[in-house]
Amino acid sequence: MLAKDIKLGQRVRVATNNMTALIVGKPEYYSPSSKLVRIKYENSTRFEYMINTALELLPTEEQFPAYGGTHERKPGEF
């Protein structure tokens, strides 16, 4: 995933562990070819910085309505 395409609130799949996460921070400088992005795993209190190339944007239908998708949080999800 390119750093310029990252937007707050997008849902992504993390390649290293195949978990779904939300982008909660803007890309930060790491090296000329990669950026660190702050993410929060769904249904977890865990936050991490992940290299942008290890993130894969979920399809549009799995995004929140603000990004053209139909995903809604169920009661009890965080």
PDB file of N, CA and C in Angstrom:
ATOM      1  N   MET A   1       0.844  -1.166   0.000  1.00  0.00           N
ATOM      2  CA  MET A   1       0.000   0.000   0.000  1.00  0.00           C
ATOM      3  C   MET A   1       0.895   1.237   0.000  1.00  0.00           C
ATOM      4  N   LEU A   2       0.624   2.167  -0.873  1.00  0.00           N
ATOM      5  CA  LEU A   2       1.423   3.381  -0.960  1.00  0.00           C
ATOM      6  C   LEU A   2       1.037   4.351   0.147  1.00  0.00           C
ATOM      7  N   ALA A   3       2.014   5.050   0.683  1.00  0.00           N
ATOM      8  CA  ALA A   3       1.778   5.983   1.785  1.00  0.00           C
ATOM      9  C   ALA A   3       0.814   7.094   1.381  1.00  0.00           C
ATOM     10  N   LYS A   4       0.854   7.532   0.127  1.00  0.00           N
ATOM     11  CA  LYS A   4      -0.031   8.621  -0.308  1.00  0.00           C
ATOM     12  C   LYS A   4      -1.493   8.204  -0.371  1.00  0.00           C
ATOM     13  N   ASP A   5      -1.784   6.897  -0.412  1.00  0.00           N
ATOM     14  CA  ASP A   5      -3.153   6.400  -0.486  1.00  0.00           C
ATOM     15  C   ASP A   5      -3.776   6.138   0.884  1.00  0.00           C
ATOM     16  N   ILE A   6      -3.013   6.296   1.951  1.00  0.00           N
ATOM     17  CA  ILE A   6      -3.493   5.977   3.295  1.00  0.00           C
ATOM     18  C   ILE A   6      -4.342   7.114   3.837  1.00  0.00           C
ATOM     19  N   LYS A   7      -5.537   6.735   4.373  1.00  0.00           N
ATOM     20  CA  LYS A   7      -6.439   7.705   4.979  1.00  0.00           C
ATOM     21  C   LYS A   7      -6.880   7.189   6.342  1.00  0.00           C
ATOM     22  N   LEU A   8      -7.070   8.093   7.284  1.00  0.00           N
ATOM     23  CA  LEU A   8      -7.521   7.717   8.621  1.00  0.00           C
ATOM     24  C   LEU A   8      -8.859   6.998   8.547  1.00  0.00           C
ATOM     25  N   GLY A   9      -8.995   5.922   9.299  1.00  0.00           N
ATOM     26  CA  GLY A   9     -10.256   5.197   9.372  1.00  0.00           C
ATOM     27  C   GLY A   9     -10.422   4.082   8.366  1.00  0.00           C
ATOM     28  N   GLN A  10      -9.479   3.911   7.454  1.00  0.00           N
ATOM     29  CA  GLN A  10      -9.580   2.811   6.493  1.00  0.00           C
ATOM     30  C   GLN A  10      -9.294   1.489   7.186  1.00  0.00           C
ATOM     31  N   ARG A  11      -9.944   0.434   6.698  1.00  0.00           N
ATOM     32  CA  ARG A  11      -9.705  -0.916   7.216  1.00  0.00           C
ATOM     33  C   ARG A  11      -8.670  -1.591   6.326  1.00  0.00           C
ATOM     34  N   VAL A  12      -7.697  -2.240   6.950  1.00  0.00           N
ATOM     35  CA  VAL A  12      -6.607  -2.886   6.223  1.00  0.00           C
ATOM     36  C   VAL A  12      -6.360  -4.280   6.779  1.00  0.00           C
ATOM     37  N   ARG A  13      -5.711  -5.117   5.975  1.00  0.00           N
ATOM     38  CA  ARG A  13      -5.243  -6.426   6.412  1.00  0.00           C
ATOM     39  C   ARG A  13      -3.737  -6.317   6.578  1.00  0.00           C
ATOM     40  N   VAL A  14      -3.242  -6.788   7.714  1.00  0.00           N
ATOM     41  CA  VAL A  14      -1.811  -6.761   7.998  1.00  0.00           C
ATOM     42  C   VAL A  14      -1.204  -8.053   7.466  1.00  0.00           C
ATOM     43  N   ALA A  15      -0.246  -7.939   6.569  1.00  0.00           N
ATOM     44  CA  ALA A  15       0.321  -9.107   5.890  1.00  0.00           C
ATOM     45  C   ALA A  15       1.070 -10.039   6.839  1.00  0.00           C
ATOM     46  N   THR A  16       1.693  -9.506   7.871  1.00  0.00           N
ATOM     47  CA  THR A  16       2.525 -10.331   8.741  1.00  0.00           C
ATOM     48  C   THR A  16       1.733 -11.283   9.628  1.00  0.00           C
ATOM     49  N   ASN A  17       0.481 -10.923   9.963  1.00  0.00           N
ATOM     50  CA  ASN A  17      -0.310 -11.785  10.847  1.00  0.00           C
ATOM     51  C   ASN A  17      -1.736 -12.028  10.355  1.00  0.00           C
ATOM     52  N   ASN A  18      -2.080 -11.479   9.200  1.00  0.00           N
ATOM     53  CA  ASN A  18      -3.384 -11.674   8.556  1.00  0.00           C
ATOM     54  C   ASN A  18      -4.554 -11.178   9.422  1.00  0.00           C
ATOM     55  N   MET A  19      -4.314 -10.172  10.254  1.00  0.00           N
ATOM     56  CA  MET A  19      -5.364  -9.588  11.086  1.00  0.00           C
ATOM     57  C   MET A  19      -5.885  -8.303  10.446  1.00  0.00           C
ATOM     58  N   THR A  20      -7.128  -7.951  10.788  1.00  0.00           N
ATOM     59  CA  THR A  20      -7.737  -6.728  10.289  1.00  0.00           C
ATOM     60  C   THR A  20      -7.462  -5.606  11.276  1.00  0.00           C
ATOM     61  N   ALA A  21      -7.160  -4.422  10.740  1.00  0.00           N
ATOM     62  CA  ALA A  21      -6.830  -3.276  11.582  1.00  0.00           C
ATOM     63  C   ALA A  21      -7.411  -2.004  10.974  1.00  0.00           C
ATOM     64  N   LEU A  22      -7.458  -0.959  11.784  1.00  0.00           N
ATOM     65  CA  LEU A  22      -7.865   0.373  11.354  1.00  0.00           C
ATOM     66  C   LEU A  22      -6.651   1.284  11.339  1.00  0.00           C
ATOM     67  N   ILE A  23      -6.601   2.160  10.375  1.00  0.00           N
ATOM     68  CA  ILE A  23      -5.530   3.149  10.339  1.00  0.00           C
ATOM     69  C   ILE A  23      -5.936   4.289  11.260  1.00  0.00           C
ATOM     70  N   VAL A  24      -5.086   4.593  12.238  1.00  0.00           N
ATOM     71  CA  VAL A  24      -5.409   5.626  13.225  1.00  0.00           C
ATOM     72  C   VAL A  24      -4.378   6.752  13.258  1.00  0.00           C
ATOM     73  N   GLY A  25      -3.420   6.720  12.360  1.00  0.00           N
ATOM     74  CA  GLY A  25      -2.411   7.771  12.318  1.00  0.00           C
ATOM     75  C   GLY A  25      -1.911   8.017  10.909  1.00  0.00           C
ATOM     76  N   LYS A  26      -1.373   9.190  10.697  1.00  0.00           N
ATOM     77  CA  LYS A  26      -0.805   9.530   9.395  1.00  0.00           C
ATOM     78  C   LYS A  26       0.547   8.827   9.225  1.00  0.00           C
ATOM     79  N   PRO A  27       0.931   8.541   7.995  1.00  0.00           N
ATOM     80  CA  PRO A  27       2.245   7.918   7.765  1.00  0.00           C
ATOM     81  C   PRO A  27       3.377   8.816   8.269  1.00  0.00           C
ATOM     82  N   GLU A  28       4.337   8.204   8.937  1.00  0.00           N
ATOM     83  CA  GLU A  28       5.491   8.925   9.466  1.00  0.00           C
ATOM     84  C   GLU A  28       6.750   8.426   8.773  1.00  0.00           C
ATOM     85  N   TYR A  29       7.731   9.295   8.683  1.00  0.00           N
ATOM     86  CA  TYR A  29       8.966   8.953   7.979  1.00  0.00           C
ATOM     87  C   TYR A  29       9.692   7.795   8.657  1.00  0.00           C
ATOM     88  N   TYR A  30      10.142   6.840   7.862  1.00  0.00           N
ATOM     89  CA  TYR A  30      10.951   5.725   8.348  1.00  0.00           C
ATOM     90  C   TYR A  30      12.202   5.595   7.486  1.00  0.00           C
ATOM     91  N   SER A  31      12.005   5.566   6.182  1.00  0.00           N
ATOM     92  CA  SER A  31      13.109   5.546   5.225  1.00  0.00           C
ATOM     93  C   SER A  31      12.572   6.138   3.925  1.00  0.00           C
ATOM     94  N   PRO A  32      13.438   6.405   2.961  1.00  0.00           N
ATOM     95  CA  PRO A  32      12.938   6.996   1.710  1.00  0.00           C
ATOM     96  C   PRO A  32      11.887   6.136   0.998  1.00  0.00           C
ATOM     97  N   SER A  33      11.940   4.824   1.178  1.00  0.00           N
ATOM     98  CA  SER A  33      11.009   3.961   0.431  1.00  0.00           C
ATOM     99  C   SER A  33       9.862   3.415   1.268  1.00  0.00           C
ATOM    100  N   SER A  34       9.853   3.671   2.579  1.00  0.00           N
ATOM    101  CA  SER A  34       8.753   3.149   3.401  1.00  0.00           C
ATOM    102  C   SER A  34       8.441   4.104   4.542  1.00  0.00           C
ATOM    103  N   LYS A  35       7.202   4.041   4.987  1.00  0.00           N
ATOM    104  CA  LYS A  35       6.707   4.888   6.071  1.00  0.00           C
ATOM    105  C   LYS A  35       6.103   4.009   7.155  1.00  0.00           C
ATOM    106  N   LEU A  36       6.103   4.494   8.391  1.00  0.00           N
ATOM    107  CA  LEU A  36       5.445   3.805   9.494  1.00  0.00           C
ATOM    108  C   LEU A  36       4.043   4.373   9.656  1.00  0.00           C
ATOM    109  N   VAL A  37       3.066   3.485   9.829  1.00  0.00           N
ATOM    110  CA  VAL A  37       1.669   3.879   9.960  1.00  0.00           C
ATOM    111  C   VAL A  37       1.149   3.323  11.279  1.00  0.00           C
ATOM    112  N   ARG A  38       0.487   4.155  12.059  1.00  0.00           N
ATOM    113  CA  ARG A  38      -0.100   3.709  13.332  1.00  0.00           C
ATOM    114  C   ARG A  38      -1.423   3.020  13.036  1.00  0.00           C
ATOM    115  N   ILE A  39      -1.580   1.780  13.542  1.00  0.00           N
ATOM    116  CA  ILE A  39      -2.799   1.004  13.330  1.00  0.00           C
ATOM    117  C   ILE A  39      -3.338   0.511  14.671  1.00  0.00           C
ATOM    118  N   LYS A  40      -4.631   0.171  14.673  1.00  0.00           N
ATOM    119  CA  LYS A  40      -5.269  -0.449  15.830  1.00  0.00           C
ATOM    120  C   LYS A  40      -5.968  -1.698  15.330  1.00  0.00           C
ATOM    121  N   TYR A  41      -5.658  -2.826  15.931  1.00  0.00           N
ATOM    122  CA  TYR A  41      -6.292  -4.080  15.542  1.00  0.00           C
ATOM    123  C   TYR A  41      -7.751  -4.086  15.984  1.00  0.00           C
ATOM    124  N   GLU A  42      -8.633  -4.614  15.135  1.00  0.00           N
ATOM    125  CA  GLU A  42     -10.046  -4.682  15.478  1.00  0.00           C
ATOM    126  C   GLU A  42     -10.271  -5.679  16.606  1.00  0.00           C
ATOM    127  N   ASN A  43     -11.206  -5.367  17.480  1.00  0.00           N
ATOM    128  CA  ASN A  43     -11.548  -6.183  18.652  1.00  0.00           C
ATOM    129  C   ASN A  43     -10.347  -6.421  19.551  1.00  0.00           C
ATOM    130  N   SER A  44      -9.501  -5.435  19.662  1.00  0.00           N
ATOM    131  CA  SER A  44      -8.319  -5.520  20.501  1.00  0.00           C
ATOM    132  C   SER A  44      -7.979  -4.115  20.996  1.00  0.00           C
ATOM    133  N   THR A  45      -7.250  -4.028  22.067  1.00  0.00           N
ATOM    134  CA  THR A  45      -6.766  -2.733  22.542  1.00  0.00           C
ATOM    135  C   THR A  45      -5.338  -2.480  22.064  1.00  0.00           C
ATOM    136  N   ARG A  46      -4.854  -3.329  21.189  1.00  0.00           N
ATOM    137  CA  ARG A  46      -3.463  -3.287  20.726  1.00  0.00           C
ATOM    138  C   ARG A  46      -3.273  -2.281  19.593  1.00  0.00           C
ATOM    139  N   PHE A  47      -2.324  -1.387  19.777  1.00  0.00           N
ATOM    140  CA  PHE A  47      -1.906  -0.437  18.748  1.00  0.00           C
ATOM    141  C   PHE A  47      -0.483  -0.791  18.343  1.00  0.00           C
ATOM    142  N   GLU A  48      -0.148  -0.551  17.077  1.00  0.00           N
ATOM    143  CA  GLU A  48       1.217  -0.804  16.597  1.00  0.00           C
ATOM    144  C   GLU A  48       1.565   0.176  15.498  1.00  0.00           C
ATOM    145  N   TYR A  49       2.855   0.315  15.261  1.00  0.00           N
ATOM    146  CA  TYR A  49       3.333   0.966  14.049  1.00  0.00           C
ATOM    147  C   TYR A  49       3.675  -0.141  13.067  1.00  0.00           C
ATOM    148  N   MET A  50       3.213  -0.008  11.841  1.00  0.00           N
ATOM    149  CA  MET A  50       3.458  -1.016  10.814  1.00  0.00           C
ATOM    150  C   MET A  50       3.990  -0.314   9.564  1.00  0.00           C
ATOM    151  N   ILE A  51       4.909  -0.946   8.880  1.00  0.00           N
ATOM    152  CA  ILE A  51       5.439  -0.403   7.625  1.00  0.00           C
ATOM    153  C   ILE A  51       4.336  -0.460   6.572  1.00  0.00           C
ATOM    154  N   ASN A  52       4.184   0.621   5.817  1.00  0.00           N
ATOM    155  CA  ASN A  52       3.077   0.736   4.866  1.00  0.00           C
ATOM    156  C   ASN A  52       3.052  -0.390   3.832  1.00  0.00           C
ATOM    157  N   THR A  53       4.176  -0.977   3.494  1.00  0.00           N
ATOM    158  CA  THR A  53       4.189  -2.052   2.500  1.00  0.00           C
ATOM    159  C   THR A  53       3.629  -3.360   3.052  1.00  0.00           C
ATOM    160  N   ALA A  54       3.460  -3.458   4.378  1.00  0.00           N
ATOM    161  CA  ALA A  54       2.902  -4.658   5.001  1.00  0.00           C
ATOM    162  C   ALA A  54       1.391  -4.551   5.188  1.00  0.00           C
ATOM    163  N   LEU A  55       0.798  -3.465   4.690  1.00  0.00           N
ATOM    164  CA  LEU A  55      -0.642  -3.262   4.816  1.00  0.00           C
ATOM    165  C   LEU A  55      -1.315  -3.418   3.467  1.00  0.00           C
ATOM    166  N   GLU A  56      -2.472  -4.068   3.472  1.00  0.00           N
ATOM    167  CA  GLU A  56      -3.251  -4.261   2.246  1.00  0.00           C
ATOM    168  C   GLU A  56      -4.654  -3.729   2.503  1.00  0.00           C
ATOM    169  N   LEU A  57      -5.093  -2.788   1.692  1.00  0.00           N
ATOM    170  CA  LEU A  57      -6.416  -2.193   1.842  1.00  0.00           C
ATOM    171  C   LEU A  57      -7.491  -3.239   1.577  1.00  0.00           C
ATOM    172  N   LEU A  58      -8.489  -3.312   2.460  1.00  0.00           N
ATOM    173  CA  LEU A  58      -9.606  -4.241   2.246  1.00  0.00           C
ATOM    174  C   LEU A  58     -10.460  -3.742   1.092  1.00  0.00           C
ATOM    175  N   PRO A  59     -11.227  -4.622   0.435  1.00  0.00           N
ATOM    176  CA  PRO A  59     -12.092  -4.191  -0.672  1.00  0.00           C
ATOM    177  C   PRO A  59     -13.091  -3.127  -0.220  1.00  0.00           C
ATOM    178  N   THR A  60     -13.579  -2.340  -1.163  1.00  0.00           N
ATOM    179  CA  THR A  60     -14.495  -1.241  -0.862  1.00  0.00           C
ATOM    180  C   THR A  60     -15.706  -1.691  -0.069  1.00  0.00           C
ATOM    181  N   GLU A  61     -16.297  -2.840  -0.400  1.00  0.00           N
ATOM    182  CA  GLU A  61     -17.494  -3.298   0.305  1.00  0.00           C
ATOM    183  C   GLU A  61     -17.235  -3.627   1.774  1.00  0.00           C
ATOM    184  N   GLU A  62     -15.972  -3.827   2.165  1.00  0.00           N
ATOM    185  CA  GLU A  62     -15.625  -4.117   3.559  1.00  0.00           C
ATOM    186  C   GLU A  62     -15.158  -2.875   4.323  1.00  0.00           C
ATOM    187  N   GLN A  63     -15.222  -1.713   3.668  1.00  0.00           N
ATOM    188  CA  GLN A  63     -14.843  -0.455   4.323  1.00  0.00           C
ATOM    189  C   GLN A  63     -16.063   0.144   5.028  1.00  0.00           C
ATOM    190  N   PHE A  64     -15.828   1.149   5.849  1.00  0.00           N
ATOM    191  CA  PHE A  64     -16.914   1.873   6.495  1.00  0.00           C
ATOM    192  C   PHE A  64     -17.651   2.713   5.458  1.00  0.00           C
ATOM    193  N   PRO A  65     -18.915   3.088   5.736  1.00  0.00           N
ATOM    194  CA  PRO A  65     -19.699   3.872   4.764  1.00  0.00           C
ATOM    195  C   PRO A  65     -19.014   5.158   4.303  1.00  0.00           C
ATOM    196  N   ALA A  66     -18.205   5.777   5.128  1.00  0.00           N
ATOM    197  CA  ALA A  66     -17.505   7.003   4.733  1.00  0.00           C
ATOM    198  C   ALA A  66     -16.560   6.760   3.550  1.00  0.00           C
ATOM    199  N   TYR A  67     -16.145   5.509   3.359  1.00  0.00           N
ATOM    200  CA  TYR A  67     -15.257   5.157   2.253  1.00  0.00           C
ATOM    201  C   TYR A  67     -15.970   4.316   1.208  1.00  0.00           C
ATOM    202  N   GLY A  68     -17.316   4.378   1.176  1.00  0.00           N
ATOM    203  CA  GLY A  68     -18.083   3.702   0.140  1.00  0.00           C
ATOM    204  C   GLY A  68     -18.454   2.269   0.443  1.00  0.00           C
ATOM    205  N   GLY A  69     -18.182   1.788   1.637  1.00  0.00           N
ATOM    206  CA  GLY A  69     -18.462   0.402   1.992  1.00  0.00           C
ATOM    207  C   GLY A  69     -19.758   0.240   2.765  1.00  0.00           C
ATOM    208  N   THR A  70     -19.977  -0.973   3.249  1.00  0.00           N
ATOM    209  CA  THR A  70     -21.194  -1.273   3.994  1.00  0.00           C
ATOM    210  C   THR A  70     -20.895  -1.828   5.380  1.00  0.00           C
ATOM    211  N   HIS A  71     -19.647  -1.826   5.797  1.00  0.00           N
ATOM    212  CA  HIS A  71     -19.289  -2.399   7.101  1.00  0.00           C
ATOM    213  C   HIS A  71     -19.818  -1.524   8.227  1.00  0.00           C
ATOM    214  N   GLU A  72     -20.502  -2.140   9.178  1.00  0.00           N
ATOM    215  CA  GLU A  72     -20.982  -1.460  10.383  1.00  0.00           C
ATOM    216  C   GLU A  72     -20.462  -2.220  11.589  1.00  0.00           C
ATOM    217  N   ARG A  73     -20.085  -1.501  12.619  1.00  0.00           N
ATOM    218  CA  ARG A  73     -19.645  -2.166  13.858  1.00  0.00           C
ATOM    219  C   ARG A  73     -20.832  -2.752  14.561  1.00  0.00           C
ATOM    220  N   LYS A  74     -20.670  -3.953  15.047  1.00  0.00           N
ATOM    221  CA  LYS A  74     -21.695  -4.609  15.838  1.00  0.00           C
ATOM    222  C   LYS A  74     -21.563  -4.166  17.282  1.00  0.00           C
ATOM    223  N   PRO A  75     -22.665  -4.201  18.048  1.00  0.00           N
ATOM    224  CA  PRO A  75     -22.560  -3.850  19.473  1.00  0.00           C
ATOM    225  C   PRO A  75     -21.528  -4.754  20.160  1.00  0.00           C
ATOM    226  N   GLY A  76     -20.691  -4.174  20.952  1.00  0.00           N
ATOM    227  CA  GLY A  76     -19.654  -4.927  21.653  1.00  0.00           C
ATOM    228  C   GLY A  76     -18.317  -4.964  20.933  1.00  0.00           C
ATOM    229  N   GLU A  77     -18.270  -4.537  19.672  1.00  0.00           N
ATOM    230  CA  GLU A  77     -16.986  -4.470  18.949  1.00  0.00           C
ATOM    231  C   GLU A  77     -16.281  -3.184  19.307  1.00  0.00           C
ATOM    232  N   PHE A  78     -14.963  -3.243  19.335  1.00  0.00           N
ATOM    233  CA  PHE A  78     -14.185  -2.027  19.578  1.00  0.00           C
ATOM    234  C   PHE A  78     -12.921  -2.058  18.778  1.00  0.00           C
TER     235      PHE A  78
END
